[in-house]
Every structure is written in C-alpha cells, then in structure tokens.
Amino acid sequence: MINERVQAILDRAVDRHAVAGANVVASRDGVEILYAEAGWADIKAQKRIQRDTIFHIYSMTKPVTAAAVVKLAEEGELDLLEPVADFLPSFAEARVGGQPPARDVVVADLLTMTSGVPYPSETEAGRRVADVFASPLGTVEFANAIGRAGLDFSPGERFLYGAGADVAGAIVEVVTGRRLGDYLAEAFFQPLGMKDTGFCLPDGAASRLAEVYEQTPDGLRLTRQDNLAVTNAATARPAFESGGAGLLSTVDDYHKFAQMLLAGGTAGGHRLLSERSIHWLTQNQLEPHQAESFHREMPHLRGHGYGGFLRVMTSVGQSGQFGSRGEYGWDGWLGAYFVNDPATGLSLVFLTHRVDSGTLPLARQVKNAVVASLG
C-alpha cells in the first residue's frame, strides 16, 4: 500500500515538472519497507532514475563530517571545546568587524552553526568568504583562508548557517594527517559498503550521475553550474574536499549511513560510533537566544532545533508535518533529504536534483505518507 501511495506522489511530481526525477528508500527497525523511483536522470536522453543513480547530496555531506568529528572526539583525538585555532592557526587572528571576538571559536561552535563563520553573503566577512570559495585551494588552505576572512559575530552570539562544516572537515584532515575523503572512506564508507559515495565519481560511473535541473517559468531547464566550489561534473578528485557540500552518493549508500546512526552507531555487528556520540549529535543544542535566530533564518524549520549539523524536531504540532519529537535529519541544495525517527525506527532517504531545493514540499509529502502508514 505505501509503495503505491509514494509511487503516485513521485509520478505526479514528475508529471507536473516539479522535479525531473527522484527516488526514495525507507526502512523500519532496519527492515526495508519502501523503495520507489520516478522520472528522469537525463530528460533529453530519456535516461530514467534508477536505484544506483548517483546524486550530488550537497549539505547532506554535513552530518557525515559531524560523525567524523565526534568519532575523533570519542577516540580522544580532539576536544569539542578546543579552540579551532589549535588546528587552524588563522582562527587565532579571526576578527568581527575588525575587532577580536568576545571568545575563541571552538569546535562545537562549528557543528552547531554558532561560530559566526558565514557562507558567501553581502556582509563584510561574507564577501571575503565568497572570494575564498572562488579560489583554487586545498581543504586545509581553504579553512585557514576562511579564518582570515573573519566572522559575522562573536561565537555563540546567534545561529548562522555558514561554512563551519568545511572548517570542520579541515580539522579532520589536520588531526588525522589524511585527506578528508580518505578518512571518511576508512571510518564509514568502506565498513558500511558505501561504494558509490565520495568527493568524485567512482571509476566508470559517470553515466550514472543524474543531470541537474532548475525550475523556470517555462519548465525545468538543464544546468551544469558549479556551486560552493563543488564541480557539477565531479569526474576528478578535487583539491578542496568540502565537508559541507562535496559528497556524491546514492539513495542506498546514504541509507546505510542513516541506518547506522539510528542503530546507535552499529552496522553489520561492528561499532562505528558510540551511542554517546550519536546522542550528542542528535540533541537540540541551541540556547534560547540562538534558537530565535535559527527560526528567523530557517522559517521552514519551525518546530525544530539544531544539533550537530542536524535539524531536530522539538514540537510535532509546530512543525507542520507528521513525525516524532526527537527525530532528526538534514537536506541539501539540490533536494537531498533524510530523516531518522528513533521513536518509530523509521529511516528515510529521498534524492533528487533540482537547484535551490533544500527540503522540497515533495520530500515532506513523501515523508508524511510514509509516517502515516506506520500506525
């Protein structure tokens, strides 16, 4: 029943040109309860979305980077309250409007988006950060340049969705002495069997990458634009491995990562993360004054707080969707979306490729239908 219902939702969205194509997988208590796909990976070539279609997941990279940081914390390799400047020296000179911040940026500030590090914007620091994103730099060089670009405000003052995950990814490189992609592969992708996930396409997989479309008054239009220093083609390994936006994945690969989180850090009888690490990541960590700025910046996330690069539902009634208090997940620029609900054992991953999507109404429609079916 739920397969037919979700299939109809996806088919309608494709027929109405809301998306070119999409797929979704869901499980409950580790058992798959849904897979559905609809539409096109390439409209012109009439190539359909398939289960192994590869997507840019953009900001759904962030929870993976957060998992790497807390894994290093549980192993005693770093302290979440350690100054970022201990790893990236430029942050010792970070300024807010030319003045020193009220306190140091610490690692935990990055993961809760309360560090003051912006994305490219029209603020003074945001304009300098835009220049950094336009520069050909390696991951650690990039993060040090972000520190020199400055902060929008003193750490802890408020919430601001910014480039903190890219800085966190660089810290992983500094601590481990390895490239971010290599560490993520060893810590998560290889143990979980995520063979199609990385910062560039696997060998021979270019034909499985879905094309990207933007919505226009005349319908969906193909675009191959790059964004946030992430190349659309993704055929070569980049010098800058973006911990905030750089990963490509498939619906099944990311589902394996999401299921590991929901299972308390275990997969296939092996422990990848401690339960305490996941508990830290998936709690609302915003203080009241930070929550105010979070809700101003992200009005579509009413009824939610924010944890370690994850939204966390705090009020089902205010959220405007079906779910449970304590469910968590995130989304991406091209429409990637996932949710884990510890209360029901639900894990759901939805992927599509439409510019400026974030959480689409379509993703919420699919999620509501699945949650309603659980009983």
Protein backbone atom coordinates (compact mmCIF):
# COMPACT_ATOMS: atom_id res chain seq x y z
CA MET A 1 0.00 0.00 0.00
CA ILE A 2 2.70 2.52 0.98
CA ASN A 3 4.71 1.73 -2.16
CA GLU A 4 1.74 2.52 -4.36
CA ARG A 5 0.96 5.71 -2.47
CA VAL A 6 4.53 7.05 -2.63
CA GLN A 7 4.87 5.97 -6.25
CA ALA A 8 1.80 8.03 -7.09
CA ILE A 9 3.23 11.05 -5.25
CA LEU A 10 6.50 10.84 -7.18
CA ASP A 11 4.76 10.25 -10.51
CA ARG A 12 2.56 13.33 -10.01
CA ALA A 13 5.60 15.46 -9.18
CA VAL A 14 7.35 14.36 -12.38
CA ASP A 15 4.20 14.87 -14.47
CA ARG A 16 3.86 18.41 -13.08
CA HIS A 17 7.58 19.11 -13.71
CA ALA A 18 8.21 19.78 -10.01
CA VAL A 19 11.32 17.60 -10.41
CA ALA A 20 12.88 15.76 -13.31
CA GLY A 21 13.12 12.60 -11.25
CA ALA A 22 13.63 11.27 -7.72
CA ASN A 23 13.95 8.12 -5.68
CA VAL A 24 13.31 7.23 -2.06
CA VAL A 25 14.08 4.35 0.29
CA ALA A 26 12.74 3.79 3.81
CA SER A 27 13.23 1.18 6.49
CA ARG A 28 11.74 0.47 9.89
CA ASP A 29 13.86 -1.17 12.58
CA GLY A 30 16.40 -1.99 9.91
CA VAL A 31 13.93 -3.70 7.55
CA GLU A 32 13.19 -2.05 4.21
CA ILE A 33 9.55 -1.04 3.87
CA LEU A 34 9.73 1.13 0.73
CA TYR A 35 11.63 1.79 -2.43
CA ALA A 36 10.21 3.97 -5.20
CA GLU A 37 11.60 5.84 -8.19
CA ALA A 38 10.16 8.08 -10.88
CA GLY A 39 11.25 10.32 -13.71
CA TRP A 40 14.47 11.08 -15.44
CA ALA A 41 18.14 11.23 -14.62
CA ASP A 42 18.53 12.86 -18.05
CA ILE A 43 15.39 14.20 -19.73
CA LYS A 44 16.89 14.72 -23.19
CA ALA A 45 18.47 11.28 -23.30
CA GLN A 46 15.34 9.72 -21.76
CA LYS A 47 17.50 8.03 -19.15
CA ARG A 48 15.40 7.06 -16.16
CA ILE A 49 16.21 7.39 -12.47
CA GLN A 50 17.36 4.02 -11.17
CA ARG A 51 18.29 2.67 -7.77
CA ASP A 52 22.01 3.16 -8.44
CA THR A 53 21.67 6.71 -9.84
CA ILE A 54 24.30 8.99 -8.29
CA PHE A 55 23.37 12.42 -6.94
CA HIS A 56 25.21 15.41 -5.52
CA ILE A 57 23.94 15.46 -1.94
CA TYR A 58 25.42 18.90 -1.08
CA SER A 59 24.61 19.76 2.55
CA MET A 60 23.73 16.19 3.45
CA THR A 61 27.53 15.92 3.49
CA LYS A 62 27.46 17.85 6.77
CA PRO A 63 26.13 15.04 9.01
CA VAL A 64 28.88 12.76 7.68
CA THR A 65 31.51 15.36 8.58
CA ALA A 66 29.92 15.76 12.02
CA ALA A 67 30.13 12.00 12.51
CA ALA A 68 33.84 12.11 11.69
CA VAL A 69 34.44 14.90 14.22
CA VAL A 70 32.65 13.13 17.07
CA LYS A 71 34.41 9.87 16.21
CA LEU A 72 37.73 11.65 16.71
CA ALA A 73 36.39 13.15 19.94
CA GLU A 74 35.36 9.77 21.33
CA GLU A 75 38.83 8.47 20.49
CA GLY A 76 40.40 11.34 22.42
CA GLU A 77 41.98 12.89 19.34
CA LEU A 78 40.27 16.25 19.85
CA ASP A 79 38.12 18.11 22.36
CA LEU A 80 34.83 19.61 21.23
CA LEU A 81 35.58 22.70 23.35
CA GLU A 82 39.09 23.06 21.93
CA PRO A 83 39.77 26.31 20.04
CA VAL A 84 39.68 25.91 16.28
CA ALA A 85 42.92 27.92 16.24
CA ASP A 86 44.70 24.90 17.77
CA PHE A 87 44.20 23.18 14.41
CA LEU A 88 43.91 26.11 12.00
CA PRO A 89 46.20 28.97 13.10
CA SER A 90 44.41 31.67 11.13
CA PHE A 91 41.48 31.48 13.55
CA ALA A 92 43.69 32.98 16.26
CA GLU A 93 43.50 36.20 14.24
CA ALA A 94 39.82 35.98 13.32
CA ARG A 95 38.05 39.32 13.62
CA VAL A 96 34.49 40.61 13.85
CA GLY A 97 34.31 43.93 12.03
CA GLY A 98 38.00 44.49 12.67
CA GLN A 99 37.83 43.65 16.39
CA PRO A 100 38.71 40.43 18.22
CA PRO A 101 35.67 38.26 19.01
CA ALA A 102 34.44 38.02 22.60
CA ARG A 103 35.86 34.48 22.80
CA ASP A 104 37.59 31.88 20.65
CA VAL A 105 35.71 29.79 18.11
CA VAL A 106 35.66 26.22 19.47
CA VAL A 107 34.99 23.02 17.56
CA ALA A 108 31.45 22.63 18.95
CA ASP A 109 30.55 26.10 17.63
CA LEU A 110 31.21 24.84 14.11
CA LEU A 111 28.90 21.84 14.50
CA THR A 112 26.02 23.93 15.86
CA MET A 113 26.45 26.76 13.32
CA THR A 114 27.00 29.28 16.11
CA SER A 115 30.63 30.08 15.22
CA GLY A 116 29.99 33.27 13.23
CA VAL A 117 31.60 31.74 10.12
CA PRO A 118 29.38 32.80 7.18
CA TYR A 119 28.69 31.44 3.74
CA PRO A 120 29.20 33.90 0.86
CA SER A 121 26.91 36.84 1.55
CA GLU A 122 26.68 40.62 1.47
CA THR A 123 28.27 41.11 4.90
CA GLU A 124 31.89 42.23 5.12
CA ALA A 125 33.08 38.77 6.14
CA GLY A 126 30.65 37.12 3.71
CA ARG A 127 32.16 38.97 0.76
CA ARG A 128 35.63 37.81 1.74
CA VAL A 129 34.36 34.25 2.19
CA ALA A 130 32.93 34.44 -1.35
CA ASP A 131 36.44 35.21 -2.59
CA VAL A 132 37.74 32.14 -0.73
CA PHE A 133 35.16 29.90 -2.38
CA ALA A 134 36.29 31.24 -5.75
CA SER A 135 39.96 30.40 -5.06
CA PRO A 136 41.70 27.13 -6.02
CA LEU A 137 42.78 25.91 -2.57
CA GLY A 138 43.20 22.61 -0.76
CA THR A 139 40.93 21.73 2.16
CA VAL A 140 43.18 23.00 4.97
CA GLU A 141 44.32 26.04 2.98
CA PHE A 142 40.67 26.84 2.34
CA ALA A 143 39.78 26.67 6.04
CA ASN A 144 42.69 28.88 7.06
CA ALA A 145 41.57 31.40 4.43
CA ILE A 146 38.07 31.29 5.98
CA GLY A 147 39.61 32.18 9.35
CA ARG A 148 41.38 35.16 7.82
CA ALA A 149 38.12 36.26 6.15
CA GLY A 150 36.61 36.96 9.55
CA LEU A 151 33.38 36.29 11.42
CA ASP A 152 29.93 37.85 11.21
CA PHE A 153 29.64 37.86 15.03
CA SER A 154 31.30 36.54 18.18
CA PRO A 155 30.97 32.78 18.68
CA GLY A 156 27.81 31.73 20.49
CA GLU A 157 26.03 35.01 19.86
CA ARG A 158 23.50 33.50 17.45
CA PHE A 159 22.86 30.86 14.79
CA LEU A 160 24.09 31.39 11.23
CA TYR A 161 24.11 28.72 8.54
CA GLY A 162 27.60 29.01 7.13
CA ALA A 163 30.84 27.31 6.11
CA GLY A 164 31.54 25.77 9.50
CA ALA A 165 31.32 22.22 8.12
CA ASP A 166 34.08 22.99 5.63
CA VAL A 167 36.23 24.18 8.53
CA ALA A 168 35.31 21.04 10.49
CA GLY A 169 36.37 18.88 7.54
CA ALA A 170 39.75 20.60 7.52
CA ILE A 171 40.13 19.87 11.24
CA VAL A 172 39.59 16.18 10.46
CA GLU A 173 42.45 16.41 7.97
CA VAL A 174 44.76 18.13 10.47
CA VAL A 175 44.01 15.67 13.29
CA THR A 176 44.30 12.52 11.17
CA GLY A 177 47.05 13.66 8.82
CA ARG A 178 44.95 12.31 5.95
CA ARG A 179 42.72 13.75 3.27
CA LEU A 180 39.12 14.07 4.38
CA GLY A 181 37.82 11.66 1.73
CA ASP A 182 40.35 9.00 2.73
CA TYR A 183 39.42 9.24 6.39
CA LEU A 184 35.67 9.13 5.68
CA ALA A 185 36.17 6.10 3.46
CA GLU A 186 38.07 4.22 6.16
CA ALA A 187 35.82 5.28 9.05
CA PHE A 188 32.41 4.95 7.36
CA PHE A 189 32.15 4.28 3.63
CA GLN A 190 34.13 1.04 3.47
CA PRO A 191 32.69 -0.54 6.66
CA LEU A 192 29.16 0.37 5.55
CA GLY A 193 29.62 -0.76 1.94
CA MET A 194 29.01 2.75 0.57
CA LYS A 195 30.83 2.01 -2.67
CA ASP A 196 29.35 4.92 -4.65
CA THR A 197 29.96 7.68 -2.07
CA GLY A 198 32.87 10.11 -2.25
CA PHE A 199 34.07 13.52 -3.37
CA CYS A 200 34.18 12.44 -7.02
CA LEU A 201 32.53 9.78 -9.15
CA PRO A 202 33.81 6.21 -8.91
CA ASP A 203 35.70 4.96 -11.94
CA GLY A 204 33.33 4.18 -14.79
CA ALA A 205 30.31 5.72 -13.05
CA ALA A 206 29.92 8.99 -14.97
CA SER A 207 26.90 7.65 -16.84
CA ARG A 208 25.08 7.10 -13.54
CA LEU A 209 25.26 10.76 -12.43
CA ALA A 210 21.88 12.47 -12.67
CA GLU A 211 21.71 15.75 -14.57
CA VAL A 212 20.80 18.89 -12.61
CA TYR A 213 17.73 20.98 -13.45
CA GLU A 214 16.47 24.39 -12.44
CA GLN A 215 12.84 25.45 -12.36
CA THR A 216 11.92 28.32 -14.70
CA PRO A 217 8.61 29.86 -15.85
CA ASP A 218 8.99 27.69 -18.95
CA GLY A 219 9.58 24.48 -17.02
CA LEU A 220 12.67 22.55 -15.97
CA ARG A 221 15.92 23.58 -17.62
CA LEU A 222 19.20 21.68 -17.64
CA THR A 223 22.06 23.37 -15.80
CA ARG A 224 25.62 22.30 -15.20
CA GLN A 225 26.56 25.13 -12.86
CA ASP A 226 29.04 24.59 -10.06
CA ASN A 227 28.18 25.74 -6.54
CA LEU A 228 30.18 26.40 -3.36
CA ALA A 229 33.39 25.21 -5.07
CA VAL A 230 31.77 21.84 -5.87
CA THR A 231 32.08 20.91 -9.55
CA ASN A 232 28.98 19.54 -11.24
CA ALA A 233 30.88 17.07 -13.43
CA ALA A 234 32.76 15.55 -10.44
CA THR A 235 34.93 13.37 -12.66
CA ALA A 236 38.22 14.23 -10.93
CA ARG A 237 39.09 14.26 -7.24
CA PRO A 238 39.09 17.91 -6.11
CA ALA A 239 41.86 19.60 -4.14
CA PHE A 240 39.18 21.06 -1.85
CA GLU A 241 37.09 18.27 -0.34
CA SER A 242 34.13 20.17 1.05
CA GLY A 243 32.95 18.82 4.39
CA GLY A 244 29.88 20.96 3.96
CA ALA A 245 28.73 20.13 0.44
CA GLY A 246 31.09 17.93 -1.55
CA LEU A 247 29.85 14.34 -1.40
CA LEU A 248 28.08 12.36 -4.08
CA SER A 249 26.03 9.32 -3.13
CA THR A 250 23.14 7.02 -3.98
CA VAL A 251 19.90 6.50 -2.10
CA ASP A 252 21.07 3.10 -0.82
CA ASP A 253 24.52 4.29 0.18
CA TYR A 254 23.24 7.20 2.25
CA HIS A 255 20.56 4.98 3.75
CA LYS A 256 23.33 2.75 5.11
CA PHE A 257 24.87 5.75 6.87
CA ALA A 258 21.49 6.89 8.20
CA GLN A 259 20.64 3.40 9.45
CA MET A 260 23.98 3.23 11.26
CA LEU A 261 23.11 6.42 13.14
CA LEU A 262 19.64 5.11 14.01
CA ALA A 263 21.11 1.80 15.20
CA GLY A 264 23.19 3.64 17.79
CA GLY A 265 26.43 3.53 15.81
CA THR A 266 26.48 -0.11 14.78
CA ALA A 267 26.25 -1.85 11.41
CA GLY A 268 26.80 -5.49 10.50
CA GLY A 269 27.80 -6.36 14.03
CA HIS A 270 30.52 -3.67 14.10
CA ARG A 271 30.53 -0.44 16.08
CA LEU A 272 31.47 2.65 14.07
CA LEU A 273 30.36 5.31 16.57
CA SER A 274 29.47 5.26 20.24
CA GLU A 275 25.88 5.75 21.34
CA ARG A 276 27.00 8.82 23.32
CA SER A 277 28.49 10.40 20.22
CA ILE A 278 25.21 9.98 18.35
CA HIS A 279 23.26 11.23 21.37
CA TRP A 280 25.36 14.42 21.32
CA LEU A 281 24.87 14.92 17.59
CA THR A 282 21.12 14.42 17.64
CA GLN A 283 20.14 16.70 20.54
CA ASN A 284 18.86 20.24 20.12
CA GLN A 285 21.84 22.26 21.30
CA LEU A 286 20.63 25.79 20.65
CA GLU A 287 20.23 28.15 23.57
CA PRO A 288 17.07 30.29 23.55
CA HIS A 289 18.74 33.35 22.02
CA GLN A 290 20.34 31.16 19.34
CA ALA A 291 17.02 29.46 18.63
CA GLU A 292 15.48 32.85 17.86
CA SER A 293 17.98 33.48 15.08
CA PHE A 294 17.63 29.88 13.86
CA HIS A 295 13.89 30.33 13.37
CA ARG A 296 14.34 33.72 11.70
CA GLU A 297 16.83 32.28 9.24
CA MET A 298 15.00 28.99 8.66
CA PRO A 299 11.26 29.59 8.99
CA HIS A 300 10.54 26.33 7.16
CA LEU A 301 12.00 24.53 10.18
CA ARG A 302 9.52 25.77 12.75
CA GLY A 303 9.08 23.17 15.46
CA HIS A 304 12.76 22.22 15.18
CA GLY A 305 16.04 22.94 16.88
CA TYR A 306 19.56 22.16 15.72
CA GLY A 307 22.20 19.66 16.83
CA GLY A 308 25.46 18.56 15.18
CA PHE A 309 24.73 19.65 11.58
CA LEU A 310 21.23 18.17 12.02
CA ARG A 311 17.73 19.55 12.44
CA VAL A 312 16.00 18.06 15.49
CA MET A 313 12.21 18.07 15.88
CA THR A 314 11.19 19.72 19.16
CA SER A 315 7.44 20.17 18.54
CA VAL A 316 5.39 17.96 16.24
CA GLY A 317 2.48 20.40 16.25
CA GLN A 318 4.56 23.41 15.28
CA SER A 319 6.48 21.51 12.60
CA GLY A 320 3.54 21.23 10.20
CA GLN A 321 4.36 17.62 9.38
CA PHE A 322 3.90 14.14 10.76
CA GLY A 323 6.73 12.87 12.92
CA SER A 324 8.02 12.50 16.45
CA ARG A 325 9.77 14.69 18.95
CA GLY A 326 13.47 13.87 18.68
CA GLU A 327 13.52 12.85 15.02
CA TYR A 328 16.47 14.30 13.14
CA GLY A 329 18.00 14.69 9.69
CA TRP A 330 19.08 17.24 7.10
CA ASP A 331 18.77 18.19 3.42
CA GLY A 332 20.81 19.56 0.52
CA TRP A 333 20.85 22.33 -2.08
CA LEU A 334 19.61 20.06 -4.86
CA GLY A 335 16.85 18.46 -2.79
CA ALA A 336 18.52 15.54 -1.00
CA TYR A 337 16.68 14.84 2.27
CA PHE A 338 16.85 12.33 5.09
CA VAL A 339 15.10 11.71 8.38
CA ASN A 340 15.67 9.27 11.24
CA ASP A 341 12.98 8.77 13.90
CA PRO A 342 14.18 6.85 16.96
CA ALA A 343 10.60 6.70 18.32
CA THR A 344 9.31 4.63 15.39
CA GLY A 345 12.52 3.15 14.00
CA LEU A 346 11.96 4.92 10.67
CA SER A 347 14.88 5.87 8.44
CA LEU A 348 14.08 7.56 5.11
CA VAL A 349 16.30 8.94 2.35
CA PHE A 350 14.98 10.94 -0.63
CA LEU A 351 17.17 12.14 -3.52
CA THR A 352 16.56 14.48 -6.43
CA HIS A 353 18.47 17.10 -8.46
CA ARG A 354 16.72 20.49 -8.58
CA VAL A 355 18.55 23.77 -7.95
CA ASP A 356 17.81 25.69 -4.72
CA SER A 357 15.61 22.98 -3.29
CA GLY A 358 16.57 22.24 0.31
CA THR A 359 13.57 20.43 1.76
CA LEU A 360 11.03 20.37 -1.04
CA PRO A 361 7.29 20.10 -0.37
CA LEU A 362 7.64 16.82 -2.28
CA ALA A 363 10.03 15.45 0.35
CA ARG A 364 7.57 16.36 3.11
CA GLN A 365 4.69 14.80 1.17
CA VAL A 366 6.62 11.55 0.82
CA LYS A 367 7.65 11.61 4.48
CA ASN A 368 4.10 12.32 5.69
CA ALA A 369 2.73 9.44 3.62
CA VAL A 370 5.32 7.03 5.00
CA VAL A 371 4.88 8.14 8.61
CA ALA A 372 1.08 7.90 8.31
CA SER A 373 1.43 4.31 7.10
CA LEU A 374 3.36 3.20 10.18
CA GLY A 375 0.36 3.04 12.50
